[in-house]
PDB file of all heavy atoms in Angstrom:
ATOM      1  N   HIS A   1       0.844  -1.174  -0.020  1.00  0.00           N
ATOM      2  CA  HIS A   1       0.014  -0.014   0.015  1.00  0.00           C
ATOM      3  C   HIS A   1       0.858   1.243  -0.039  1.00  0.00           C
ATOM      4  O   HIS A   1       1.836   1.362   0.780  1.00  0.00           O
ATOM      5  CB  HIS A   1      -0.920   0.029   1.249  1.00  0.00           C
ATOM      6  CG  HIS A   1      -1.824  -1.148   1.264  1.00  0.00           C
ATOM      7  ND1 HIS A   1      -2.911  -1.290   0.392  1.00  0.00           N
ATOM      8  CD2 HIS A   1      -1.849  -2.223   2.073  1.00  0.00           C
ATOM      9  CE1 HIS A   1      -3.523  -2.438   0.650  1.00  0.00           C
ATOM     10  NE2 HIS A   1      -2.956  -2.997   1.718  1.00  0.00           N
ATOM     11  N   ARG A   2       0.507   2.202  -0.859  1.00  0.00           N
ATOM     12  CA  ARG A   2       1.285   3.398  -0.941  1.00  0.00           C
ATOM     13  C   ARG A   2       0.520   4.614  -0.289  1.00  0.00           C
ATOM     14  O   ARG A   2       1.124   5.653  -0.091  1.00  0.00           O
ATOM     15  CB  ARG A   2       1.577   3.753  -2.351  1.00  0.00           C
ATOM     16  CG  ARG A   2       2.431   2.717  -3.064  1.00  0.00           C
ATOM     17  CD  ARG A   2       3.870   2.659  -2.503  1.00  0.00           C
ATOM     18  NE  ARG A   2       4.619   1.666  -3.175  1.00  0.00           N
ATOM     19  CZ  ARG A   2       5.313   0.735  -2.581  1.00  0.00           C
ATOM     20  NH1 ARG A   2       5.367   0.742  -1.302  1.00  0.00           N
ATOM     21  NH2 ARG A   2       5.990  -0.149  -3.258  1.00  0.00           N
ATOM     22  N   ARG A   3      -0.746   4.457  -0.009  1.00  0.00           N
ATOM     23  CA  ARG A   3      -1.490   5.590   0.585  1.00  0.00           C
ATOM     24  C   ARG A   3      -1.646   5.309   2.071  1.00  0.00           C
ATOM     25  O   ARG A   3      -2.104   4.298   2.446  1.00  0.00           O
ATOM     26  CB  ARG A   3      -2.898   5.662  -0.077  1.00  0.00           C
ATOM     27  CG  ARG A   3      -2.857   5.925  -1.597  1.00  0.00           C
ATOM     28  CD  ARG A   3      -4.258   5.993  -2.160  1.00  0.00           C
ATOM     29  NE  ARG A   3      -5.263   5.179  -1.582  1.00  0.00           N
ATOM     30  CZ  ARG A   3      -5.558   3.920  -1.902  1.00  0.00           C
ATOM     31  NH1 ARG A   3      -4.820   3.279  -2.879  1.00  0.00           N
ATOM     32  NH2 ARG A   3      -6.476   3.258  -1.322  1.00  0.00           N
ATOM     33  N   PRO A   4      -1.291   6.273   2.924  1.00  0.00           N
ATOM     34  CA  PRO A   4      -1.460   6.136   4.352  1.00  0.00           C
ATOM     35  C   PRO A   4      -2.913   5.785   4.738  1.00  0.00           C
ATOM     36  O   PRO A   4      -3.097   5.089   5.708  1.00  0.00           O
ATOM     37  CB  PRO A   4      -1.025   7.421   4.936  1.00  0.00           C
ATOM     38  CG  PRO A   4      -0.124   8.080   3.867  1.00  0.00           C
ATOM     39  CD  PRO A   4      -0.661   7.580   2.603  1.00  0.00           C
ATOM     40  N   SER A   5      -3.855   6.296   3.999  1.00  0.00           N
ATOM     41  CA  SER A   5      -5.275   6.101   4.378  1.00  0.00           C
ATOM     42  C   SER A   5      -5.613   4.619   4.237  1.00  0.00           C
ATOM     43  O   SER A   5      -6.546   4.133   4.844  1.00  0.00           O
ATOM     44  CB  SER A   5      -6.185   6.888   3.474  1.00  0.00           C
ATOM     45  OG  SER A   5      -6.029   6.549   2.115  1.00  0.00           O
ATOM     46  N   ALA A   6      -4.810   3.815   3.440  1.00  0.00           N
ATOM     47  CA  ALA A   6      -5.082   2.384   3.309  1.00  0.00           C
ATOM     48  C   ALA A   6      -4.463   1.598   4.387  1.00  0.00           C
ATOM     49  O   ALA A   6      -4.590   0.355   4.412  1.00  0.00           O
ATOM     50  CB  ALA A   6      -4.551   1.948   1.940  1.00  0.00           C
ATOM     51  N   LEU A   7      -3.701   2.286   5.338  1.00  0.00           N
ATOM     52  CA  LEU A   7      -3.012   1.588   6.366  1.00  0.00           C
ATOM     53  C   LEU A   7      -3.606   2.032   7.767  1.00  0.00           C
ATOM     54  O   LEU A   7      -3.037   2.776   8.443  1.00  0.00           O
ATOM     55  CB  LEU A   7      -1.526   1.852   6.342  1.00  0.00           C
ATOM     56  CG  LEU A   7      -0.816   1.413   5.078  1.00  0.00           C
ATOM     57  CD1 LEU A   7       0.587   1.928   5.077  1.00  0.00           C
ATOM     58  CD2 LEU A   7      -0.883  -0.049   4.888  1.00  0.00           C
ATOM     59  N   PRO A   8      -4.761   1.476   8.153  1.00  0.00           N
ATOM     60  CA  PRO A   8      -5.394   1.947   9.394  1.00  0.00           C
ATOM     61  C   PRO A   8      -4.510   1.413  10.592  1.00  0.00           C
ATOM     62  O   PRO A   8      -3.915   0.341  10.584  1.00  0.00           O
ATOM     63  CB  PRO A   8      -6.738   1.268   9.393  1.00  0.00           C
ATOM     64  CG  PRO A   8      -6.518   0.072   8.540  1.00  0.00           C
ATOM     65  CD  PRO A   8      -5.552   0.400   7.492  1.00  0.00           C
ATOM     66  N   ALA A   9      -4.442   2.261  11.606  1.00  0.00           N
ATOM     67  CA  ALA A   9      -3.769   1.892  12.839  1.00  0.00           C
ATOM     68  C   ALA A   9      -4.617   0.901  13.585  1.00  0.00           C
ATOM     69  O   ALA A   9      -5.803   0.924  13.598  1.00  0.00           O
ATOM     70  CB  ALA A   9      -3.571   3.130  13.737  1.00  0.00           C
ATOM     71  N   LEU A  10      -3.950  -0.158  14.150  1.00  0.00           N
ATOM     72  CA  LEU A  10      -4.564  -1.167  14.886  1.00  0.00           C
ATOM     73  C   LEU A  10      -4.046  -1.198  16.329  1.00  0.00           C
ATOM     74  O   LEU A  10      -2.833  -0.957  16.559  1.00  0.00           O
ATOM     75  CB  LEU A  10      -4.337  -2.495  14.232  1.00  0.00           C
ATOM     76  CG  LEU A  10      -4.901  -2.671  12.816  1.00  0.00           C
ATOM     77  CD1 LEU A  10      -4.492  -3.998  12.206  1.00  0.00           C
ATOM     78  CD2 LEU A  10      -6.411  -2.620  12.797  1.00  0.00           C
ATOM     79  N   PRO A  11      -4.842  -1.468  17.331  1.00  0.00           N
ATOM     80  CA  PRO A  11      -4.385  -1.561  18.697  1.00  0.00           C
ATOM     81  C   PRO A  11      -3.436  -2.812  18.825  1.00  0.00           C
ATOM     82  O   PRO A  11      -3.707  -3.850  18.273  1.00  0.00           O
ATOM     83  CB  PRO A  11      -5.613  -1.692  19.519  1.00  0.00           C
ATOM     84  CG  PRO A  11      -6.650  -2.283  18.542  1.00  0.00           C
ATOM     85  CD  PRO A  11      -6.287  -1.767  17.197  1.00  0.00           C
ATOM     86  N   CYS A  12      -2.381  -2.601  19.594  1.00  0.00           N
ATOM     87  CA  CYS A  12      -1.472  -3.773  19.880  1.00  0.00           C
ATOM     88  C   CYS A  12      -1.192  -3.782  21.334  1.00  0.00           C
ATOM     89  O   CYS A  12      -1.617  -2.935  22.075  1.00  0.00           O
ATOM     90  CB  CYS A  12      -0.143  -3.482  19.107  1.00  0.00           C
ATOM     91  SG  CYS A  12      -0.315  -3.686  17.319  1.00  0.00           S
ATOM     92  N   GLU A  13      -0.505  -4.747  21.734  1.00  0.00           N
ATOM     93  CA  GLU A  13      -0.075  -4.991  23.110  1.00  0.00           C
ATOM     94  C   GLU A  13       0.642  -3.743  23.605  1.00  0.00           C
ATOM     95  O   GLU A  13       1.509  -3.237  23.032  1.00  0.00           O
ATOM     96  CB  GLU A  13       0.886  -6.217  23.153  1.00  0.00           C
ATOM     97  CG  GLU A  13       1.401  -6.491  24.500  1.00  0.00           C
ATOM     98  CD  GLU A  13       0.546  -7.521  25.253  1.00  0.00           C
ATOM     99  OE1 GLU A  13      -0.201  -8.253  24.585  1.00  0.00           O
ATOM    100  OE2 GLU A  13       0.681  -7.630  26.428  1.00  0.00           O
ATOM    101  N   THR A  14       0.241  -3.251  24.791  1.00  0.00           N
ATOM    102  CA  THR A  14       0.839  -2.080  25.361  1.00  0.00           C
ATOM    103  C   THR A  14       2.102  -2.433  26.192  1.00  0.00           C
ATOM    104  O   THR A  14       2.983  -1.557  26.403  1.00  0.00           O
ATOM    105  CB  THR A  14      -0.083  -1.272  26.224  1.00  0.00           C
ATOM    106  OG1 THR A  14      -0.578  -2.158  27.249  1.00  0.00           O
ATOM    107  CG2 THR A  14      -1.262  -0.756  25.468  1.00  0.00           C
ATOM    108  N   HIS A  15       2.257  -3.650  26.586  1.00  0.00           N
ATOM    109  CA  HIS A  15       3.423  -4.075  27.362  1.00  0.00           C
ATOM    110  C   HIS A  15       3.977  -5.381  26.824  1.00  0.00           C
ATOM    111  O   HIS A  15       3.865  -6.431  27.444  1.00  0.00           O
ATOM    112  CB  HIS A  15       3.059  -4.266  28.847  1.00  0.00           C
ATOM    113  CG  HIS A  15       2.500  -3.049  29.492  1.00  0.00           C
ATOM    114  ND1 HIS A  15       3.317  -1.996  29.800  1.00  0.00           N
ATOM    115  CD2 HIS A  15       1.295  -2.699  29.856  1.00  0.00           C
ATOM    116  CE1 HIS A  15       2.607  -0.984  30.308  1.00  0.00           C
ATOM    117  NE2 HIS A  15       1.365  -1.433  30.376  1.00  0.00           N
ATOM    118  N   PRO A  16       4.602  -5.354  25.610  1.00  0.00           N
ATOM    119  CA  PRO A  16       5.114  -6.587  25.079  1.00  0.00           C
ATOM    120  C   PRO A  16       6.380  -7.048  25.819  1.00  0.00           C
ATOM    121  O   PRO A  16       6.991  -6.250  26.536  1.00  0.00           O
ATOM    122  CB  PRO A  16       5.488  -6.177  23.626  1.00  0.00           C
ATOM    123  CG  PRO A  16       5.847  -4.756  23.755  1.00  0.00           C
ATOM    124  CD  PRO A  16       4.822  -4.187  24.835  1.00  0.00           C
ATOM    125  N   ALA A  17       6.722  -8.326  25.678  1.00  0.00           N
ATOM    126  CA  ALA A  17       7.937  -8.824  26.258  1.00  0.00           C
ATOM    127  C   ALA A  17       9.051  -8.733  25.246  1.00  0.00           C
ATOM    128  O   ALA A  17       8.862  -9.020  24.018  1.00  0.00           O
ATOM    129  CB  ALA A  17       7.740 -10.275  26.640  1.00  0.00           C
ATOM    130  N   LEU A  18      10.204  -8.270  25.645  1.00  0.00           N
ATOM    131  CA  LEU A  18      11.366  -8.255  24.790  1.00  0.00           C
ATOM    132  C   LEU A  18      12.278  -9.382  25.246  1.00  0.00           C
ATOM    133  O   LEU A  18      12.628  -9.480  26.431  1.00  0.00           O
ATOM    134  CB  LEU A  18      12.063  -6.914  24.825  1.00  0.00           C
ATOM    135  CG  LEU A  18      11.367  -5.733  24.219  1.00  0.00           C
ATOM    136  CD1 LEU A  18      12.136  -4.463  24.405  1.00  0.00           C
ATOM    137  CD2 LEU A  18      11.103  -6.009  22.744  1.00  0.00           C
ATOM    138  N   VAL A  19      12.646 -10.273  24.322  1.00  0.00           N
ATOM    139  CA  VAL A  19      13.424 -11.412  24.608  1.00  0.00           C
ATOM    140  C   VAL A  19      14.780 -11.371  23.884  1.00  0.00           C
ATOM    141  O   VAL A  19      14.779 -11.065  22.668  1.00  0.00           O
ATOM    142  CB  VAL A  19      12.657 -12.685  24.232  1.00  0.00           C
ATOM    143  CG1 VAL A  19      13.495 -13.960  24.529  1.00  0.00           C
ATOM    144  CG2 VAL A  19      11.300 -12.719  24.939  1.00  0.00           C
ATOM    145  N   LEU A  20      15.823 -11.680  24.530  1.00  0.00           N
ATOM    146  CA  LEU A  20      17.148 -11.785  23.912  1.00  0.00           C
ATOM    147  C   LEU A  20      17.536 -13.268  23.675  1.00  0.00           C
ATOM    148  O   LEU A  20      17.504 -14.060  24.651  1.00  0.00           O
ATOM    149  CB  LEU A  20      18.250 -11.145  24.782  1.00  0.00           C
ATOM    150  CG  LEU A  20      18.042  -9.642  25.089  1.00  0.00           C
ATOM    151  CD1 LEU A  20      19.209  -9.154  25.877  1.00  0.00           C
ATOM    152  CD2 LEU A  20      17.895  -8.823  23.818  1.00  0.00           C
ATOM    153  N   LEU A  21      17.750 -13.642  22.443  1.00  0.00           N
ATOM    154  CA  LEU A  21      18.183 -14.998  22.126  1.00  0.00           C
ATOM    155  C   LEU A  21      19.727 -14.923  22.101  1.00  0.00           C
ATOM    156  O   LEU A  21      20.270 -14.209  21.267  1.00  0.00           O
ATOM    157  CB  LEU A  21      17.630 -15.424  20.769  1.00  0.00           C
ATOM    158  CG  LEU A  21      18.039 -16.795  20.301  1.00  0.00           C
ATOM    159  CD1 LEU A  21      17.552 -17.836  21.240  1.00  0.00           C
ATOM    160  CD2 LEU A  21      17.507 -17.031  18.931  1.00  0.00           C
ATOM    161  N   ARG A  22      20.351 -15.662  23.024  1.00  0.00           N
ATOM    162  CA  ARG A  22      21.833 -15.601  23.184  1.00  0.00           C
ATOM    163  C   ARG A  22      22.454 -16.934  22.972  1.00  0.00           C
ATOM    164  O   ARG A  22      21.866 -17.978  23.242  1.00  0.00           O
ATOM    165  CB  ARG A  22      22.174 -15.064  24.542  1.00  0.00           C
ATOM    166  CG  ARG A  22      21.786 -13.627  24.754  1.00  0.00           C
ATOM    167  CD  ARG A  22      22.082 -13.239  26.134  1.00  0.00           C
ATOM    168  NE  ARG A  22      21.960 -11.748  26.298  1.00  0.00           N
ATOM    169  CZ  ARG A  22      21.823 -11.148  27.425  1.00  0.00           C
ATOM    170  NH1 ARG A  22      21.688 -11.873  28.463  1.00  0.00           N
ATOM    171  NH2 ARG A  22      21.652  -9.868  27.477  1.00  0.00           N
ATOM    172  N   THR A  23      23.748 -16.855  22.616  1.00  0.00           N
ATOM    173  CA  THR A  23      24.582 -18.110  22.642  1.00  0.00           C
ATOM    174  C   THR A  23      25.885 -17.827  23.412  1.00  0.00           C
ATOM    175  O   THR A  23      26.268 -16.661  23.627  1.00  0.00           O
ATOM    176  CB  THR A  23      24.913 -18.468  21.143  1.00  0.00           C
ATOM    177  OG1 THR A  23      25.645 -17.361  20.536  1.00  0.00           O
ATOM    178  CG2 THR A  23      23.758 -18.850  20.387  1.00  0.00           C
ATOM    179  N   ALA A  24      26.455 -18.885  23.901  1.00  0.00           N
ATOM    180  CA  ALA A  24      27.668 -18.711  24.685  1.00  0.00           C
ATOM    181  C   ALA A  24      28.853 -18.171  23.841  1.00  0.00           C
ATOM    182  O   ALA A  24      29.686 -17.438  24.375  1.00  0.00           O
ATOM    183  CB  ALA A  24      28.097 -20.044  25.315  1.00  0.00           C
ATOM    184  N   HIS A  25      28.889 -18.557  22.588  1.00  0.00           N
ATOM    185  CA  HIS A  25      29.945 -18.129  21.699  1.00  0.00           C
ATOM    186  C   HIS A  25      29.332 -17.531  20.409  1.00  0.00           C
ATOM    187  O   HIS A  25      28.112 -17.422  20.341  1.00  0.00           O
ATOM    188  CB  HIS A  25      30.825 -19.327  21.310  1.00  0.00           C
ATOM    189  CG  HIS A  25      31.428 -19.977  22.486  1.00  0.00           C
ATOM    190  ND1 HIS A  25      32.483 -19.465  23.254  1.00  0.00           N
ATOM    191  CD2 HIS A  25      31.084 -21.170  23.162  1.00  0.00           C
ATOM    192  CE1 HIS A  25      32.783 -20.244  24.217  1.00  0.00           C
ATOM    193  NE2 HIS A  25      31.923 -21.268  24.268  1.00  0.00           N
ATOM    194  N   ASP A  26      30.193 -17.069  19.521  1.00  0.00           N
ATOM    195  CA  ASP A  26      29.676 -16.416  18.308  1.00  0.00           C
ATOM    196  C   ASP A  26      30.278 -17.011  17.064  1.00  0.00           C
ATOM    197  O   ASP A  26      30.834 -16.344  16.240  1.00  0.00           O
ATOM    198  CB  ASP A  26      30.006 -14.871  18.347  1.00  0.00           C
ATOM    199  CG  ASP A  26      29.111 -14.068  17.415  1.00  0.00           C
ATOM    200  OD1 ASP A  26      28.013 -14.591  17.027  1.00  0.00           O
ATOM    201  OD2 ASP A  26      29.528 -12.955  16.980  1.00  0.00           O
ATOM    202  N   ARG A  27      30.265 -18.325  17.030  1.00  0.00           N
ATOM    203  CA  ARG A  27      30.832 -19.129  15.953  1.00  0.00           C
ATOM    204  C   ARG A  27      29.729 -19.558  15.006  1.00  0.00           C
ATOM    205  O   ARG A  27      28.538 -19.391  15.324  1.00  0.00           O
ATOM    206  CB  ARG A  27      31.539 -20.338  16.483  1.00  0.00           C
ATOM    207  CG  ARG A  27      32.675 -20.012  17.426  1.00  0.00           C
ATOM    208  CD  ARG A  27      33.286 -21.186  18.026  1.00  0.00           C
ATOM    209  NE  ARG A  27      32.251 -21.855  18.772  1.00  0.00           N
ATOM    210  CZ  ARG A  27      32.491 -22.483  19.950  1.00  0.00           C
ATOM    211  NH1 ARG A  27      33.644 -22.523  20.490  1.00  0.00           N
ATOM    212  NH2 ARG A  27      31.507 -23.088  20.605  1.00  0.00           N
ATOM    213  N   ARG A  28      30.079 -20.114  13.809  1.00  0.00           N
ATOM    214  CA  ARG A  28      29.072 -20.543  12.875  1.00  0.00           C
ATOM    215  C   ARG A  28      28.051 -21.574  13.440  1.00  0.00           C
ATOM    216  O   ARG A  28      26.900 -21.522  13.246  1.00  0.00           O
ATOM    217  CB  ARG A  28      29.714 -21.067  11.636  1.00  0.00           C
ATOM    218  CG  ARG A  28      30.398 -20.017  10.790  1.00  0.00           C
ATOM    219  CD  ARG A  28      31.005 -20.626   9.530  1.00  0.00           C
ATOM    220  NE  ARG A  28      31.708 -19.576   8.840  1.00  0.00           N
ATOM    221  CZ  ARG A  28      32.109 -19.700   7.608  1.00  0.00           C
ATOM    222  NH1 ARG A  28      31.986 -20.807   6.945  1.00  0.00           N
ATOM    223  NH2 ARG A  28      32.766 -18.672   7.049  1.00  0.00           N
ATOM    224  N   ALA A  29      28.594 -22.457  14.236  1.00  0.00           N
ATOM    225  CA  ALA A  29      27.749 -23.488  14.869  1.00  0.00           C
ATOM    226  C   ALA A  29      26.795 -22.849  15.828  1.00  0.00           C
ATOM    227  O   ALA A  29      25.622 -23.305  15.947  1.00  0.00           O
ATOM    228  CB  ALA A  29      28.654 -24.490  15.660  1.00  0.00           C
ATOM    229  N   ASP A  30      27.195 -21.747  16.516  1.00  0.00           N
ATOM    230  CA  ASP A  30      26.320 -21.021  17.381  1.00  0.00           C
ATOM    231  C   ASP A  30      25.198 -20.272  16.636  1.00  0.00           C
ATOM    232  O   ASP A  30      24.097 -20.174  17.097  1.00  0.00           O
ATOM    233  CB  ASP A  30      27.094 -20.015  18.209  1.00  0.00           C
ATOM    234  CG  ASP A  30      28.117 -20.697  19.027  1.00  0.00           C
ATOM    235  OD1 ASP A  30      27.776 -21.508  19.902  1.00  0.00           O
ATOM    236  OD2 ASP A  30      29.325 -20.430  18.884  1.00  0.00           O
TER     237      ASP A  30
END
């Protein structure tokens, strides 16, 4: 959509959870 009028705002979660996905190392296998 290129027109803002075609993109209505929708209510969303006011308190979402933010999660960090972590690994012990930073190698290709990780």
